Amino acid sequence: KGSFPNARCFAGHNGPKPVTVWCSNDYLAMG
């Protein structure tokens, strides 16, 4: 929250890692 398009990805086994989201349809970050 407050830092879109940054997110945490839980894929894999090393805990959440930071990712940049490039395909969200929250086009204007109004969410």
PDB file of all heavy atoms in Angstrom:
ATOM      1  N   LYS A   1       0.831  -1.207   0.000  1.00  0.00           N
ATOM      2  CA  LYS A   1       0.000   0.000   0.000  1.00  0.00           C
ATOM      3  C   LYS A   1       0.868   1.260   0.000  1.00  0.00           C
ATOM      4  O   LYS A   1       1.776   1.402   0.796  1.00  0.00           O
ATOM      5  CB  LYS A   1      -0.920   0.021   1.224  1.00  0.00           C
ATOM      6  CG  LYS A   1      -1.939   1.154   1.196  1.00  0.00           C
ATOM      7  CD  LYS A   1      -2.758   1.231   2.472  1.00  0.00           C
ATOM      8  CE  LYS A   1      -1.988   1.957   3.561  1.00  0.00           C
ATOM      9  NZ  LYS A   1      -2.837   2.291   4.722  1.00  0.00           N
ATOM     10  N   GLY A   2       0.550   2.143  -0.938  1.00  0.00           N
ATOM     11  CA  GLY A   2       1.254   3.411  -1.001  1.00  0.00           C
ATOM     12  C   GLY A   2       2.524   3.396  -1.819  1.00  0.00           C
ATOM     13  O   GLY A   2       3.143   4.451  -2.015  1.00  0.00           O
ATOM     14  N   SER A   3       2.923   2.225  -2.332  1.00  0.00           N
ATOM     15  CA  SER A   3       4.154   2.180  -3.132  1.00  0.00           C
ATOM     16  C   SER A   3       3.970   1.371  -4.414  1.00  0.00           C
ATOM     17  O   SER A   3       4.902   0.732  -4.893  1.00  0.00           O
ATOM     18  CB  SER A   3       5.315   1.610  -2.317  1.00  0.00           C
ATOM     19  OG  SER A   3       5.045   0.277  -1.919  1.00  0.00           O
ATOM     20  N   PHE A   4       2.745   1.359  -4.952  1.00  0.00           N
ATOM     21  CA  PHE A   4       2.493   0.697  -6.236  1.00  0.00           C
ATOM     22  C   PHE A   4       3.411   1.313  -7.294  1.00  0.00           C
ATOM     23  O   PHE A   4       3.620   2.526  -7.288  1.00  0.00           O
ATOM     24  CB  PHE A   4       1.021   0.906  -6.627  1.00  0.00           C
ATOM     25  CG  PHE A   4       0.605   0.181  -7.869  1.00  0.00           C
ATOM     26  CD1 PHE A   4       0.345  -1.167  -7.838  1.00  0.00           C
ATOM     27  CD2 PHE A   4       0.483   0.853  -9.072  1.00  0.00           C
ATOM     28  CE1 PHE A   4      -0.046  -1.841  -8.994  1.00  0.00           C
ATOM     29  CE2 PHE A   4       0.107   0.183 -10.221  1.00  0.00           C
ATOM     30  CZ  PHE A   4      -0.160  -1.157 -10.175  1.00  0.00           C
ATOM     31  N   PRO A   5       4.034   0.522  -8.185  1.00  0.00           N
ATOM     32  CA  PRO A   5       3.763  -0.881  -8.537  1.00  0.00           C
ATOM     33  C   PRO A   5       4.626  -1.912  -7.807  1.00  0.00           C
ATOM     34  O   PRO A   5       4.849  -2.996  -8.324  1.00  0.00           O
ATOM     35  CB  PRO A   5       4.069  -0.890 -10.030  1.00  0.00           C
ATOM     36  CG  PRO A   5       5.220   0.071 -10.157  1.00  0.00           C
ATOM     37  CD  PRO A   5       4.929   1.160  -9.161  1.00  0.00           C
ATOM     38  N   ASN A   6       5.151  -1.556  -6.649  1.00  0.00           N
ATOM     39  CA  ASN A   6       5.946  -2.510  -5.886  1.00  0.00           C
ATOM     40  C   ASN A   6       5.047  -3.490  -5.145  1.00  0.00           C
ATOM     41  O   ASN A   6       3.982  -3.127  -4.649  1.00  0.00           O
ATOM     42  CB  ASN A   6       6.836  -1.761  -4.890  1.00  0.00           C
ATOM     43  CG  ASN A   6       7.819  -0.841  -5.592  1.00  0.00           C
ATOM     44  OD1 ASN A   6       8.557  -1.279  -6.466  1.00  0.00           O
ATOM     45  ND2 ASN A   6       7.819   0.422  -5.226  1.00  0.00           N
ATOM     46  N   ALA A   7       5.507  -4.745  -5.088  1.00  0.00           N
ATOM     47  CA  ALA A   7       4.734  -5.795  -4.427  1.00  0.00           C
ATOM     48  C   ALA A   7       5.683  -6.831  -3.846  1.00  0.00           C
ATOM     49  O   ALA A   7       6.902  -6.778  -4.066  1.00  0.00           O
ATOM     50  CB  ALA A   7       3.765  -6.443  -5.412  1.00  0.00           C
ATOM     51  N   ARG A   8       5.111  -7.768  -3.094  1.00  0.00           N
ATOM     52  CA  ARG A   8       5.861  -8.890  -2.541  1.00  0.00           C
ATOM     53  C   ARG A   8       5.388 -10.168  -3.207  1.00  0.00           C
ATOM     54  O   ARG A   8       4.189 -10.433  -3.246  1.00  0.00           O
ATOM     55  CB  ARG A   8       5.643  -8.985  -1.035  1.00  0.00           C
ATOM     56  CG  ARG A   8       6.242  -7.859  -0.209  1.00  0.00           C
ATOM     57  CD  ARG A   8       5.501  -7.696   1.112  1.00  0.00           C
ATOM     58  NE  ARG A   8       4.234  -6.992   0.937  1.00  0.00           N
ATOM     59  CZ  ARG A   8       3.269  -6.966   1.863  1.00  0.00           C
ATOM     60  NH1 ARG A   8       3.411  -7.628   2.995  1.00  0.00           N
ATOM     61  NH2 ARG A   8       2.162  -6.295   1.637  1.00  0.00           N
ATOM     62  N   CYS A   9       6.333 -10.952  -3.705  1.00  0.00           N
ATOM     63  CA  CYS A   9       6.007 -12.207  -4.378  1.00  0.00           C
ATOM     64  C   CYS A   9       6.337 -13.373  -3.467  1.00  0.00           C
ATOM     65  O   CYS A   9       7.443 -13.449  -2.910  1.00  0.00           O
ATOM     66  CB  CYS A   9       6.779 -12.316  -5.688  1.00  0.00           C
ATOM     67  SG  CYS A   9       6.515 -13.872  -6.558  1.00  0.00           S
ATOM     68  N   PHE A  10       5.387 -14.305  -3.322  1.00  0.00           N
ATOM     69  CA  PHE A  10       5.559 -15.444  -2.423  1.00  0.00           C
ATOM     70  C   PHE A  10       5.901 -16.725  -3.169  1.00  0.00           C
ATOM     71  O   PHE A  10       5.892 -17.804  -2.581  1.00  0.00           O
ATOM     72  CB  PHE A  10       4.291 -15.645  -1.592  1.00  0.00           C
ATOM     73  CG  PHE A  10       4.083 -14.565  -0.562  1.00  0.00           C
ATOM     74  CD1 PHE A  10       3.528 -13.346  -0.925  1.00  0.00           C
ATOM     75  CD2 PHE A  10       4.452 -14.752   0.754  1.00  0.00           C
ATOM     76  CE1 PHE A  10       3.341 -12.341   0.011  1.00  0.00           C
ATOM     77  CE2 PHE A  10       4.276 -13.766   1.697  1.00  0.00           C
ATOM     78  CZ  PHE A  10       3.715 -12.547   1.333  1.00  0.00           C
ATOM     79  N   ALA A  11       6.181 -16.632  -4.456  1.00  0.00           N
ATOM     80  CA  ALA A  11       6.586 -17.820  -5.208  1.00  0.00           C
ATOM     81  C   ALA A  11       7.980 -18.261  -4.756  1.00  0.00           C
ATOM     82  O   ALA A  11       8.827 -17.442  -4.437  1.00  0.00           O
ATOM     83  CB  ALA A  11       6.578 -17.518  -6.702  1.00  0.00           C
ATOM     84  N   GLY A  12       8.235 -19.559  -4.739  1.00  0.00           N
ATOM     85  CA  GLY A  12       9.535 -20.060  -4.312  1.00  0.00           C
ATOM     86  C   GLY A  12       9.551 -20.385  -2.833  1.00  0.00           C
ATOM     87  O   GLY A  12       8.525 -20.380  -2.153  1.00  0.00           O
ATOM     88  N   HIS A  13      10.742 -20.636  -2.310  1.00  0.00           N
ATOM     89  CA  HIS A  13      10.855 -21.148  -0.942  1.00  0.00           C
ATOM     90  C   HIS A  13      11.664 -20.238  -0.033  1.00  0.00           C
ATOM     91  O   HIS A  13      11.992 -20.614   1.084  1.00  0.00           O
ATOM     92  CB  HIS A  13      11.502 -22.546  -0.962  1.00  0.00           C
ATOM     93  CG  HIS A  13      10.760 -23.523  -1.821  1.00  0.00           C
ATOM     94  ND1 HIS A  13       9.559 -24.075  -1.452  1.00  0.00           N
ATOM     95  CD2 HIS A  13      11.039 -24.025  -3.055  1.00  0.00           C
ATOM     96  CE1 HIS A  13       9.132 -24.893  -2.403  1.00  0.00           C
ATOM     97  NE2 HIS A  13      10.006 -24.883  -3.395  1.00  0.00           N
ATOM     98  N   ASN A  14      11.990 -19.052  -0.476  1.00  0.00           N
ATOM     99  CA  ASN A  14      12.835 -18.174   0.328  1.00  0.00           C
ATOM    100  C   ASN A  14      12.060 -16.994   0.904  1.00  0.00           C
ATOM    101  O   ASN A  14      12.630 -15.957   1.217  1.00  0.00           O
ATOM    102  CB  ASN A  14      14.008 -17.655  -0.527  1.00  0.00           C
ATOM    103  CG  ASN A  14      14.896 -18.784  -1.010  1.00  0.00           C
ATOM    104  OD1 ASN A  14      15.185 -19.704  -0.246  1.00  0.00           O
ATOM    105  ND2 ASN A  14      15.316 -18.731  -2.266  1.00  0.00           N
ATOM    106  N   GLY A  15      10.750 -17.166   1.044  1.00  0.00           N
ATOM    107  CA  GLY A  15       9.953 -16.087   1.596  1.00  0.00           C
ATOM    108  C   GLY A  15       9.640 -15.040   0.552  1.00  0.00           C
ATOM    109  O   GLY A  15      10.086 -15.118  -0.599  1.00  0.00           O
ATOM    110  N   PRO A  16       8.872 -14.009   0.918  1.00  0.00           N
ATOM    111  CA  PRO A  16       8.495 -12.995  -0.071  1.00  0.00           C
ATOM    112  C   PRO A  16       9.695 -12.181  -0.543  1.00  0.00           C
ATOM    113  O   PRO A  16      10.590 -11.848   0.233  1.00  0.00           O
ATOM    114  CB  PRO A  16       7.503 -12.112   0.705  1.00  0.00           C
ATOM    115  CG  PRO A  16       7.838 -12.324   2.146  1.00  0.00           C
ATOM    116  CD  PRO A  16       8.298 -13.744   2.254  1.00  0.00           C
ATOM    117  N   LYS A  17       9.703 -11.894  -1.840  1.00  0.00           N
ATOM    118  CA  LYS A  17      10.756 -11.041  -2.387  1.00  0.00           C
ATOM    119  C   LYS A  17      10.112  -9.892  -3.148  1.00  0.00           C
ATOM    120  O   LYS A  17       8.996 -10.020  -3.681  1.00  0.00           O
ATOM    121  CB  LYS A  17      11.693 -11.838  -3.292  1.00  0.00           C
ATOM    122  CG  LYS A  17      11.105 -12.264  -4.619  1.00  0.00           C
ATOM    123  CD  LYS A  17      12.189 -12.874  -5.504  1.00  0.00           C
ATOM    124  CE  LYS A  17      11.661 -13.138  -6.921  1.00  0.00           C
ATOM    125  NZ  LYS A  17      12.715 -13.638  -7.816  1.00  0.00           N
ATOM    126  N   PRO A  18      10.785  -8.747  -3.226  1.00  0.00           N
ATOM    127  CA  PRO A  18      10.186  -7.589  -3.894  1.00  0.00           C
ATOM    128  C   PRO A  18      10.117  -7.767  -5.404  1.00  0.00           C
ATOM    129  O   PRO A  18      11.043  -8.290  -6.025  1.00  0.00           O
ATOM    130  CB  PRO A  18      11.130  -6.441  -3.509  1.00  0.00           C
ATOM    131  CG  PRO A  18      12.435  -7.102  -3.199  1.00  0.00           C
ATOM    132  CD  PRO A  18      12.097  -8.440  -2.633  1.00  0.00           C
ATOM    133  N   VAL A  19       9.011  -7.363  -5.994  1.00  0.00           N
ATOM    134  CA  VAL A  19       8.843  -7.394  -7.447  1.00  0.00           C
ATOM    135  C   VAL A  19       8.183  -6.100  -7.899  1.00  0.00           C
ATOM    136  O   VAL A  19       7.547  -5.395  -7.113  1.00  0.00           O
ATOM    137  CB  VAL A  19       7.984  -8.600  -7.907  1.00  0.00           C
ATOM    138  CG1 VAL A  19       8.662  -9.914  -7.583  1.00  0.00           C
ATOM    139  CG2 VAL A  19       6.586  -8.533  -7.313  1.00  0.00           C
ATOM    140  N   THR A  20       8.359  -5.801  -9.183  1.00  0.00           N
ATOM    141  CA  THR A  20       7.665  -4.681  -9.818  1.00  0.00           C
ATOM    142  C   THR A  20       6.562  -5.248 -10.696  1.00  0.00           C
ATOM    143  O   THR A  20       6.820  -6.112 -11.536  1.00  0.00           O
ATOM    144  CB  THR A  20       8.636  -3.841 -10.677  1.00  0.00           C
ATOM    145  OG1 THR A  20       9.719  -3.395  -9.859  1.00  0.00           O
ATOM    146  CG2 THR A  20       7.921  -2.639 -11.275  1.00  0.00           C
ATOM    147  N   VAL A  21       5.346  -4.758 -10.504  1.00  0.00           N
ATOM    148  CA  VAL A  21       4.184  -5.261 -11.243  1.00  0.00           C
ATOM    149  C   VAL A  21       4.040  -4.462 -12.541  1.00  0.00           C
ATOM    150  O   VAL A  21       3.936  -3.231 -12.523  1.00  0.00           O
ATOM    151  CB  VAL A  21       2.903  -5.136 -10.400  1.00  0.00           C
ATOM    152  CG1 VAL A  21       1.691  -5.596 -11.199  1.00  0.00           C
ATOM    153  CG2 VAL A  21       3.034  -5.945  -9.115  1.00  0.00           C
ATOM    154  N   TRP A  22       4.005  -5.186 -13.678  1.00  0.00           N
ATOM    155  CA  TRP A  22       3.918  -4.539 -14.989  1.00  0.00           C
ATOM    156  C   TRP A  22       2.642  -4.871 -15.754  1.00  0.00           C
ATOM    157  O   TRP A  22       2.474  -4.426 -16.885  1.00  0.00           O
ATOM    158  CB  TRP A  22       5.126  -4.942 -15.848  1.00  0.00           C
ATOM    159  CG  TRP A  22       6.359  -4.173 -15.511  1.00  0.00           C
ATOM    160  CD1 TRP A  22       7.429  -4.595 -14.782  1.00  0.00           C
ATOM    161  CD2 TRP A  22       6.642  -2.821 -15.877  1.00  0.00           C
ATOM    162  NE1 TRP A  22       8.364  -3.596 -14.671  1.00  0.00           N
ATOM    163  CE2 TRP A  22       7.908  -2.495 -15.338  1.00  0.00           C
ATOM    164  CE3 TRP A  22       5.957  -1.848 -16.609  1.00  0.00           C
ATOM    165  CZ2 TRP A  22       8.502  -1.247 -15.510  1.00  0.00           C
ATOM    166  CZ3 TRP A  22       6.536  -0.604 -16.788  1.00  0.00           C
ATOM    167  CH2 TRP A  22       7.801  -0.308 -16.238  1.00  0.00           C
ATOM    168  N   CYS A  23       1.751  -5.668 -15.167  1.00  0.00           N
ATOM    169  CA  CYS A  23       0.584  -6.102 -15.934  1.00  0.00           C
ATOM    170  C   CYS A  23      -0.729  -5.874 -15.191  1.00  0.00           C
ATOM    171  O   CYS A  23      -1.754  -6.416 -15.580  1.00  0.00           O
ATOM    172  CB  CYS A  23       0.717  -7.564 -16.319  1.00  0.00           C
ATOM    173  SG  CYS A  23       0.970  -8.680 -14.921  1.00  0.00           S
ATOM    174  N   SER A  24      -0.710  -5.073 -14.148  1.00  0.00           N
ATOM    175  CA  SER A  24      -1.943  -4.851 -13.394  1.00  0.00           C
ATOM    176  C   SER A  24      -2.918  -4.006 -14.200  1.00  0.00           C
ATOM    177  O   SER A  24      -2.526  -3.074 -14.908  1.00  0.00           O
ATOM    178  CB  SER A  24      -1.636  -4.150 -12.070  1.00  0.00           C
ATOM    179  OG  SER A  24      -2.833  -3.790 -11.409  1.00  0.00           O
ATOM    180  N   ASN A  25      -4.207  -4.334 -14.084  1.00  0.00           N
ATOM    181  CA  ASN A  25      -5.240  -3.496 -14.693  1.00  0.00           C
ATOM    182  C   ASN A  25      -5.726  -2.399 -13.749  1.00  0.00           C
ATOM    183  O   ASN A  25      -6.684  -1.686 -14.063  1.00  0.00           O
ATOM    184  CB  ASN A  25      -6.416  -4.350 -15.155  1.00  0.00           C
ATOM    185  CG  ASN A  25      -6.125  -5.060 -16.469  1.00  0.00           C
ATOM    186  OD1 ASN A  25      -5.212  -4.693 -17.194  1.00  0.00           O
ATOM    187  ND2 ASN A  25      -6.887  -6.094 -16.761  1.00  0.00           N
ATOM    188  N   ASP A  26      -5.081  -2.266 -12.588  1.00  0.00           N
ATOM    189  CA  ASP A  26      -5.294  -1.091 -11.737  1.00  0.00           C
ATOM    190  C   ASP A  26      -4.490   0.033 -12.392  1.00  0.00           C
ATOM    191  O   ASP A  26      -3.474   0.503 -11.879  1.00  0.00           O
ATOM    192  CB  ASP A  26      -4.817  -1.377 -10.310  1.00  0.00           C
ATOM    193  CG  ASP A  26      -5.169  -0.262  -9.330  1.00  0.00           C
ATOM    194  OD1 ASP A  26      -5.741   0.763  -9.772  1.00  0.00           O
ATOM    195  OD2 ASP A  26      -4.862  -0.397  -8.139  1.00  0.00           O
ATOM    196  N   TYR A  27      -4.973   0.430 -13.575  1.00  0.00           N
ATOM    197  CA  TYR A  27      -4.198   1.235 -14.505  1.00  0.00           C
ATOM    198  C   TYR A  27      -3.653   2.531 -13.915  1.00  0.00           C
ATOM    199  O   TYR A  27      -2.549   2.966 -14.231  1.00  0.00           O
ATOM    200  CB  TYR A  27      -5.064   1.597 -15.717  1.00  0.00           C
ATOM    201  CG  TYR A  27      -5.364   0.467 -16.649  1.00  0.00           C
ATOM    202  CD1 TYR A  27      -6.678   0.151 -16.990  1.00  0.00           C
ATOM    203  CD2 TYR A  27      -4.351  -0.287 -17.238  1.00  0.00           C
ATOM    204  CE1 TYR A  27      -6.974  -0.869 -17.878  1.00  0.00           C
ATOM    205  CE2 TYR A  27      -4.634  -1.311 -18.123  1.00  0.00           C
ATOM    206  CZ  TYR A  27      -5.946  -1.599 -18.443  1.00  0.00           C
ATOM    207  OH  TYR A  27      -6.229  -2.614 -19.322  1.00  0.00           O
ATOM    208  N   LEU A  28      -4.439   3.191 -13.078  1.00  0.00           N
ATOM    209  CA  LEU A  28      -4.079   4.505 -12.559  1.00  0.00           C
ATOM    210  C   LEU A  28      -3.663   4.457 -11.093  1.00  0.00           C
ATOM    211  O   LEU A  28      -3.507   5.502 -10.460  1.00  0.00           O
ATOM    212  CB  LEU A  28      -5.247   5.486 -12.738  1.00  0.00           C
ATOM    213  CG  LEU A  28      -5.773   5.647 -14.169  1.00  0.00           C
ATOM    214  CD1 LEU A  28      -6.938   6.626 -14.199  1.00  0.00           C
ATOM    215  CD2 LEU A  28      -4.663   6.105 -15.117  1.00  0.00           C
ATOM    216  N   ALA A  29      -3.495   3.248 -10.567  1.00  0.00           N
ATOM    217  CA  ALA A  29      -3.128   3.037  -9.164  1.00  0.00           C
ATOM    218  C   ALA A  29      -4.169   3.620  -8.207  1.00  0.00           C
ATOM    219  O   ALA A  29      -3.843   3.970  -7.072  1.00  0.00           O
ATOM    220  CB  ALA A  29      -1.739   3.617  -8.860  1.00  0.00           C
ATOM    221  N   MET A  30      -5.434   3.690  -8.650  1.00  0.00           N
ATOM    222  CA  MET A  30      -6.482   4.216  -7.776  1.00  0.00           C
ATOM    223  C   MET A  30      -6.786   3.265  -6.611  1.00  0.00           C
ATOM    224  O   MET A  30      -7.317   3.687  -5.586  1.00  0.00           O
ATOM    225  CB  MET A  30      -7.754   4.493  -8.575  1.00  0.00           C
ATOM    226  CG  MET A  30      -7.647   5.673  -9.531  1.00  0.00           C
ATOM    227  SD  MET A  30      -7.169   7.219  -8.745  1.00  0.00           S
ATOM    228  CE  MET A  30      -8.576   7.528  -7.684  1.00  0.00           C
ATOM    229  N   GLY A  31      -6.443   1.987  -6.767  1.00  0.00           N
ATOM    230  CA  GLY A  31      -6.597   1.050  -5.666  1.00  0.00           C
ATOM    231  C   GLY A  31      -5.698   1.386  -4.486  1.00  0.00           C
ATOM    232  O   GLY A  31      -5.874   0.843  -3.391  1.00  0.00           O
TER     233      GLY A  31
END
